[in-house]
Amino acid sequence: MDKIPHTKFSTDLLPEKDRFEAWRDSMGVIFDIEREERDNSPPFEAHLEGFIYGQLVVGMTASNAAHYMRPTSKVNRDGLDMIMVQLFLEGEMQFGVDREITRVANGDMIVFDLGQKADNFDADYKVLAVIFPRETISEFIPDIGRWHGKILPRNQPMTILLRQHLFSLYHLGSEMTVEFGASIQRSTLELTASAFRASEANLARSAAIVTATILQEIRVHIRTHLARPGLSPESIAGAFGLSRAQLYRTTESLNGIMNYIRDLRLRRCWKELQDPAFFHVSISEMGFKWGFNDIRTFNRNFKNCYGMTPSDTRKIGNRKRREKQPKIGALQLETDRSYEGWLRSQA
């Protein structure tokens, strides 16, 4: 039987001067990265190894200290609608969202909602992580977005079980078959959900869970009907039997429901403008297709969101980042970066 997909990346074969740039380019699929250079800084090194179980990725990552960021512009641009849970094995991190700082140390497990911004500084670290598409884990944890930046208590029994489970998936990954890998996805989701619910410090009240469930259904409704010209607060409220006031309260975390719809539509345009399959569609036709009736408004909103015009974005459409490999002089590295393509395919 075929083994589950396996990916491995290391900077070991690179000249020291090129290691950080190669890592920053690869990790750019999730984070913008900066490094604080000092006179006594050691040579940079980073390693990643992961396994794909159905729709889940379990991987080990280690790196020197760096600043990892997901600003709002990147969240809007890449569309990674995923949840990542990290277990810190070595080092520590300062997890930042706006003015809130959470300190993460050895043994802690922390939750990332990649659909939200983050600003983190990681000391030299080693982490074991699992990444879920939101739609898979939302079935088990409807209010998953509320866990962004939250820590699962290291001494809680269900956290310990989840930690051991992830270690097993990582260490046995090279022996797993595709058939077994797909079947283990549900058990991993159920165990993760149990660890979340058992965290007493973060238990959601039932009312909040109901609200979060409705919010997730509204998000799915919006994505499903995104191309419909009549998509509006009124139509959404009617579809869910809510008043406008109830709708706005339920969707408060979206920072304005029309802003949310606009940003999703801009994200679809961003992706299609770079896809050769849509090169025959004019920019004005694409804007109209995704609900922008005025080309000037479309251009202005697009540039405000992505820092470039739709026409400039189309010019980079032939760049296939998932096929790009770092080149060091005449040396073409034989590194495996297939995890980048997998993550982008989930956007």
Protein backbone atom coordinates (compact mmCIF):
# COMPACT_ATOMS: atom_id res chain seq x y z
CA MET A 1 0.00 0.00 0.00
CA ASP A 2 1.07 3.59 -0.62
CA LYS A 3 2.54 5.49 2.32
CA ILE A 4 1.06 8.83 3.41
CA PRO A 5 2.73 11.94 1.93
CA HIS A 6 5.95 12.92 3.69
CA THR A 7 7.72 16.28 3.42
CA LYS A 8 11.10 17.39 4.74
CA PHE A 9 12.96 20.71 4.52
CA SER A 10 16.33 21.72 5.97
CA THR A 11 18.78 24.57 5.57
CA ASP A 12 21.77 22.29 6.26
CA LEU A 13 22.86 22.12 2.60
CA LEU A 14 22.77 25.88 2.12
CA PRO A 15 25.60 28.37 2.52
CA GLU A 16 25.16 30.20 5.83
CA LYS A 17 24.45 33.53 4.14
CA ASP A 18 21.45 32.09 2.27
CA ARG A 19 19.80 30.00 4.99
CA PHE A 20 17.50 32.59 6.51
CA GLU A 21 16.26 33.82 3.12
CA ALA A 22 15.43 30.27 2.07
CA TRP A 23 13.52 29.68 5.31
CA ARG A 24 11.69 33.01 5.06
CA ASP A 25 10.70 32.22 1.48
CA SER A 26 9.40 28.79 2.42
CA MET A 27 7.58 29.84 5.60
CA GLY A 28 6.05 32.73 3.68
CA VAL A 29 3.17 30.37 2.94
CA ILE A 30 2.02 31.08 6.54
CA PHE A 31 4.09 33.86 8.11
CA ASP A 32 6.08 36.95 7.25
CA ILE A 33 9.42 36.48 9.03
CA GLU A 34 12.10 38.87 10.24
CA ARG A 35 15.30 38.08 12.08
CA GLU A 36 17.07 40.27 14.62
CA GLU A 37 20.70 40.18 13.55
CA ARG A 38 23.31 40.63 16.27
CA ASP A 39 27.11 40.49 16.24
CA ASN A 40 27.08 37.26 18.22
CA SER A 41 24.16 35.64 16.38
CA PRO A 42 24.88 31.99 15.54
CA PRO A 43 24.55 30.78 11.93
CA PHE A 44 20.86 30.44 11.12
CA GLU A 45 19.40 26.97 10.79
CA ALA A 46 15.88 25.63 10.40
CA HIS A 47 14.30 22.23 9.86
CA LEU A 48 10.81 20.94 9.10
CA GLU A 49 9.44 17.44 8.70
CA GLY A 50 5.77 16.62 8.29
CA PHE A 51 3.22 13.98 7.35
CA ILE A 52 -0.20 14.44 5.75
CA TYR A 53 -3.02 12.42 7.32
CA GLY A 54 -6.05 12.93 5.09
CA GLN A 55 -6.66 16.68 5.41
CA LEU A 56 -4.39 17.13 8.43
CA VAL A 57 -0.67 17.90 8.62
CA VAL A 58 1.42 16.81 11.62
CA GLY A 59 4.95 18.18 11.64
CA MET A 60 8.04 19.02 13.67
CA THR A 61 9.69 22.42 13.15
CA ALA A 62 12.88 23.83 14.69
CA SER A 63 14.56 27.17 14.05
CA ASN A 64 16.70 29.94 15.49
CA ALA A 65 14.99 32.98 16.97
CA ALA A 66 12.85 35.06 14.60
CA HIS A 67 9.80 37.31 14.44
CA TYR A 68 6.75 35.54 12.89
CA MET A 69 3.85 37.73 11.73
CA ARG A 70 0.44 37.39 10.11
CA PRO A 71 -0.68 40.99 9.52
CA THR A 72 -4.22 41.69 8.31
CA SER A 73 -2.95 42.27 4.76
CA LYS A 74 -1.43 38.77 4.64
CA VAL A 75 -4.53 37.16 6.15
CA ASN A 76 -6.66 38.83 3.47
CA ARG A 77 -4.24 37.95 0.69
CA ASP A 78 -3.48 34.27 1.28
CA GLY A 79 -6.90 33.09 2.49
CA LEU A 80 -5.55 30.32 4.75
CA ASP A 81 -8.71 29.35 6.61
CA MET A 82 -7.00 26.91 8.94
CA ILE A 83 -6.32 26.18 12.59
CA MET A 84 -2.88 25.27 13.92
CA VAL A 85 -2.13 23.83 17.36
CA GLN A 86 1.52 24.00 18.44
CA LEU A 87 3.20 22.06 21.23
CA PHE A 88 6.39 23.78 22.43
CA LEU A 89 9.16 21.26 23.08
CA GLU A 90 12.05 23.72 23.35
CA GLY A 91 12.28 27.50 23.62
CA GLU A 92 9.49 29.98 24.18
CA MET A 93 7.30 32.48 22.34
CA GLN A 94 5.56 35.79 22.91
CA PHE A 95 2.22 35.50 21.11
CA GLY A 96 0.78 38.93 20.30
CA VAL A 97 -2.67 40.01 19.12
CA ASP A 98 -3.19 43.78 19.21
CA ARG A 99 -2.11 44.77 22.74
CA GLU A 100 -2.48 41.33 24.30
CA ILE A 101 0.66 39.28 24.88
CA THR A 102 0.62 35.58 25.79
CA ARG A 103 3.84 33.91 26.90
CA VAL A 104 4.27 30.33 25.76
CA ALA A 105 6.90 28.04 27.29
CA ASN A 106 8.06 24.41 27.12
CA GLY A 107 5.16 21.99 27.44
CA ASP A 108 2.47 24.52 26.50
CA MET A 109 0.08 23.99 23.60
CA ILE A 110 -1.20 27.13 21.88
CA VAL A 111 -3.90 27.63 19.26
CA PHE A 112 -3.46 29.71 16.08
CA ASP A 113 -6.44 30.76 13.97
CA LEU A 114 -4.70 31.50 10.67
CA GLY A 115 -7.74 33.51 9.63
CA GLN A 116 -6.75 36.11 12.25
CA LYS A 117 -3.71 38.33 12.61
CA ALA A 118 -0.84 37.54 14.94
CA ASP A 119 2.53 39.06 15.83
CA ASN A 120 4.89 36.64 17.57
CA PHE A 121 8.51 36.51 18.62
CA ASP A 122 9.96 33.01 18.93
CA ALA A 123 13.22 32.35 20.75
CA ASP A 124 15.25 29.37 19.48
CA TYR A 125 12.50 26.79 19.39
CA LYS A 126 11.34 23.30 18.53
CA VAL A 127 7.60 22.65 18.14
CA LEU A 128 5.32 19.80 17.17
CA ALA A 129 2.24 21.08 15.35
CA VAL A 130 -0.98 19.88 13.77
CA ILE A 131 -2.84 21.94 11.16
CA PHE A 132 -6.55 21.50 10.38
CA PRO A 133 -8.68 23.10 7.66
CA ARG A 134 -11.29 25.10 9.58
CA GLU A 135 -14.21 23.24 8.04
CA THR A 136 -12.97 19.93 9.48
CA ILE A 137 -12.47 21.09 13.07
CA SER A 138 -15.49 23.43 13.20
CA GLU A 139 -17.72 20.34 13.15
CA PHE A 140 -16.27 19.47 16.57
CA ILE A 141 -15.50 22.97 17.93
CA PRO A 142 -17.97 25.50 16.45
CA ASP A 143 -16.41 28.43 18.32
CA ILE A 144 -12.85 27.60 17.24
CA GLY A 145 -12.05 31.22 16.31
CA ARG A 146 -12.41 32.23 19.98
CA TRP A 147 -9.42 30.04 20.86
CA HIS A 148 -6.92 32.14 18.91
CA GLY A 149 -3.94 32.67 21.23
CA LYS A 150 -5.34 30.45 24.00
CA ILE A 151 -3.19 27.87 25.80
CA LEU A 152 -4.24 24.32 26.63
CA PRO A 153 -3.08 23.61 30.21
CA ARG A 154 -0.03 21.35 30.07
CA ASN A 155 -1.05 19.29 33.11
CA GLN A 156 -4.66 18.70 32.04
CA PRO A 157 -5.14 14.95 31.33
CA MET A 158 -6.76 15.50 27.92
CA THR A 159 -3.93 17.84 26.91
CA ILE A 160 -1.44 15.13 27.87
CA LEU A 161 -3.36 12.57 25.80
CA LEU A 162 -3.40 14.91 22.80
CA ARG A 163 0.31 15.56 23.18
CA GLN A 164 1.07 11.82 23.24
CA HIS A 165 -1.22 11.24 20.27
CA LEU A 166 0.60 13.86 18.17
CA PHE A 167 3.97 12.37 19.11
CA SER A 168 2.72 8.98 17.94
CA LEU A 169 1.45 10.35 14.64
CA TYR A 170 4.78 12.06 14.01
CA HIS A 171 7.05 9.17 14.98
CA LEU A 172 4.94 6.56 13.14
CA GLY A 173 4.33 8.74 10.09
CA SER A 174 6.85 6.99 7.88
CA GLU A 175 5.03 3.67 8.47
CA MET A 176 1.47 4.92 7.89
CA THR A 177 -0.43 3.99 4.73
CA VAL A 178 -2.78 6.35 2.90
CA GLU A 179 -5.77 4.20 3.83
CA PHE A 180 -4.96 4.29 7.54
CA GLY A 181 -3.92 7.94 7.40
CA ALA A 182 -7.35 9.03 6.20
CA SER A 183 -9.15 6.96 8.83
CA ILE A 184 -7.12 8.44 11.70
CA GLN A 185 -8.21 11.99 10.85
CA ARG A 186 -11.51 11.75 12.75
CA SER A 187 -9.96 10.30 15.89
CA THR A 188 -7.41 13.13 15.91
CA LEU A 189 -10.18 15.71 15.54
CA GLU A 190 -12.22 14.15 18.33
CA LEU A 191 -9.27 14.00 20.71
CA THR A 192 -8.34 17.61 19.92
CA ALA A 193 -11.90 18.74 20.58
CA SER A 194 -11.93 16.85 23.89
CA ALA A 195 -8.71 18.57 24.96
CA PHE A 196 -10.24 21.96 24.14
CA ARG A 197 -13.46 21.28 26.03
CA ALA A 198 -11.56 19.99 29.07
CA SER A 199 -9.68 23.26 29.40
CA GLU A 200 -11.67 24.79 32.25
CA ALA A 201 -10.09 28.23 31.93
CA ASN A 202 -11.41 28.56 28.37
CA LEU A 203 -14.75 26.76 28.49
CA ALA A 204 -17.32 28.71 26.52
CA ARG A 205 -20.75 29.33 27.93
CA SER A 206 -23.58 27.58 26.14
CA ALA A 207 -24.94 30.87 24.81
CA ALA A 208 -21.56 31.69 23.31
CA ILE A 209 -21.39 28.25 21.71
CA VAL A 210 -24.80 28.76 20.11
CA THR A 211 -23.75 32.18 18.81
CA ALA A 212 -20.50 30.77 17.46
CA THR A 213 -22.37 27.94 15.73
CA ILE A 214 -24.69 30.41 13.99
CA LEU A 215 -21.70 32.59 13.07
CA GLN A 216 -19.97 29.63 11.43
CA GLU A 217 -23.14 28.83 9.47
CA ILE A 218 -23.35 32.46 8.35
CA ARG A 219 -19.74 32.34 7.17
CA VAL A 220 -20.47 29.20 5.15
CA HIS A 221 -23.62 30.84 3.71
CA ILE A 222 -21.61 33.90 2.65
CA ARG A 223 -18.90 31.83 0.98
CA THR A 224 -21.50 29.72 -0.82
CA HIS A 225 -23.39 32.76 -2.18
CA LEU A 226 -20.44 35.11 -2.57
CA ALA A 227 -21.01 35.69 -6.30
CA ARG A 228 -24.70 36.57 -5.91
CA PRO A 229 -25.32 40.31 -6.46
CA GLY A 230 -28.13 40.23 -3.90
CA LEU A 231 -25.95 39.03 -1.02
CA SER A 232 -26.52 41.60 1.72
CA PRO A 233 -27.18 41.89 5.46
CA GLU A 234 -30.92 41.81 4.69
CA SER A 235 -30.70 38.60 2.65
CA ILE A 236 -28.47 36.91 5.24
CA ALA A 237 -30.69 37.94 8.15
CA GLY A 238 -33.70 36.60 6.24
CA ALA A 239 -31.99 33.29 5.52
CA PHE A 240 -31.34 32.74 9.24
CA GLY A 241 -34.52 34.27 10.65
CA LEU A 242 -32.62 37.05 12.41
CA SER A 243 -33.32 40.73 12.77
CA ARG A 244 -30.64 43.12 11.50
CA ALA A 245 -29.68 43.91 15.10
CA GLN A 246 -29.30 40.19 15.90
CA LEU A 247 -27.27 39.66 12.76
CA TYR A 248 -24.88 42.50 13.62
CA ARG A 249 -24.44 41.23 17.18
CA THR A 250 -23.78 37.69 15.96
CA THR A 251 -21.24 38.84 13.35
CA GLU A 252 -19.54 41.48 15.49
CA SER A 253 -16.23 39.57 15.40
CA LEU A 254 -16.15 39.91 11.59
CA ASN A 255 -15.52 43.68 11.94
CA GLY A 256 -18.51 44.55 9.78
CA ILE A 257 -20.39 42.01 7.70
CA MET A 258 -20.13 44.02 4.46
CA ASN A 259 -16.41 44.49 5.05
CA TYR A 260 -16.14 40.73 5.49
CA ILE A 261 -18.03 40.09 2.23
CA ARG A 262 -15.93 42.67 0.38
CA ASP A 263 -12.65 41.17 1.64
CA LEU A 264 -13.71 37.65 0.63
CA ARG A 265 -14.63 38.89 -2.83
CA LEU A 266 -11.32 40.70 -3.17
CA ARG A 267 -9.54 37.50 -2.12
CA ARG A 268 -11.32 35.55 -4.88
CA CYS A 269 -10.31 38.22 -7.40
CA TRP A 270 -6.71 38.10 -6.15
CA LYS A 271 -6.55 34.34 -6.73
CA GLU A 272 -8.26 34.41 -10.14
CA LEU A 273 -6.15 37.30 -11.41
CA GLN A 274 -3.07 35.10 -10.93
CA ASP A 275 -4.65 31.96 -12.36
CA PRO A 276 -3.97 31.38 -16.09
CA ALA A 277 -7.39 29.73 -16.35
CA PHE A 278 -8.96 33.19 -15.91
CA PHE A 279 -6.59 35.23 -18.07
CA HIS A 280 -9.30 35.51 -20.74
CA VAL A 281 -11.60 37.34 -18.28
CA SER A 282 -11.13 41.11 -18.28
CA ILE A 283 -10.50 42.87 -14.98
CA SER A 284 -13.80 44.74 -15.17
CA GLU A 285 -15.67 41.49 -15.90
CA MET A 286 -13.99 39.81 -12.94
CA GLY A 287 -14.88 42.70 -10.65
CA PHE A 288 -18.49 42.58 -11.80
CA LYS A 289 -18.56 38.79 -11.37
CA TRP A 290 -17.63 39.19 -7.70
CA GLY A 291 -20.06 41.94 -6.86
CA PHE A 292 -18.21 45.16 -7.74
CA ASN A 293 -20.43 47.24 -10.01
CA ASP A 294 -18.01 50.14 -10.38
CA ILE A 295 -14.51 49.47 -11.74
CA ARG A 296 -13.04 52.51 -9.97
CA THR A 297 -14.38 51.32 -6.62
CA PHE A 298 -13.04 47.85 -7.36
CA ASN A 299 -9.56 49.15 -8.22
CA ARG A 300 -9.47 51.39 -5.13
CA ASN A 301 -10.58 48.64 -2.75
CA PHE A 302 -8.21 46.13 -4.30
CA LYS A 303 -5.19 48.42 -4.02
CA ASN A 304 -6.08 49.36 -0.43
CA CYS A 305 -6.19 45.66 0.45
CA TYR A 306 -3.17 44.34 -1.46
CA GLY A 307 -1.02 47.37 -2.15
CA MET A 308 -1.16 46.91 -5.91
CA THR A 309 -3.69 47.30 -8.70
CA PRO A 310 -5.57 44.38 -10.28
CA SER A 311 -3.57 44.82 -13.50
CA ASP A 312 -0.26 44.64 -11.59
CA THR A 313 -1.51 41.51 -9.83
CA ARG A 314 -2.32 39.83 -13.13
CA LYS A 315 1.27 40.36 -14.30
CA ILE A 316 2.54 38.01 -11.63
CA GLY A 317 0.01 35.32 -12.54
CA ASN A 318 2.57 33.09 -14.25
CA ARG A 319 4.70 32.82 -11.13
CA LYS A 320 4.05 29.39 -9.70
CA ARG A 321 5.33 29.74 -6.16
CA ARG A 322 4.65 26.12 -5.33
CA GLU A 323 7.16 25.11 -8.03
CA LYS A 324 9.80 27.64 -7.02
CA GLN A 325 12.99 26.32 -5.41
CA PRO A 326 15.71 28.49 -3.84
CA LYS A 327 18.81 28.74 -6.03
CA ILE A 328 22.27 29.23 -4.57
CA GLY A 329 24.56 30.27 -7.42
CA ALA A 330 24.60 27.36 -9.82
CA LEU A 331 23.29 24.99 -7.16
CA GLN A 332 19.64 23.96 -7.42
CA LEU A 333 18.63 22.57 -4.03
CA GLU A 334 16.72 19.33 -3.92
CA THR A 335 14.60 20.33 -0.94
CA ASP A 336 11.04 19.12 -0.52
CA ARG A 337 8.60 22.02 -0.07
CA SER A 338 5.43 20.17 -1.01
CA TYR A 339 3.81 21.30 2.25
CA GLU A 340 3.61 24.82 0.76
CA GLY A 341 1.45 23.61 -2.11
CA TRP A 342 -0.75 21.60 0.25
CA LEU A 343 -1.37 24.62 2.47
CA ARG A 344 -2.14 26.90 -0.47
CA SER A 345 -4.54 24.30 -1.89
CA GLN A 346 -6.64 24.62 1.30
CA ALA A 347 -7.17 28.39 0.94
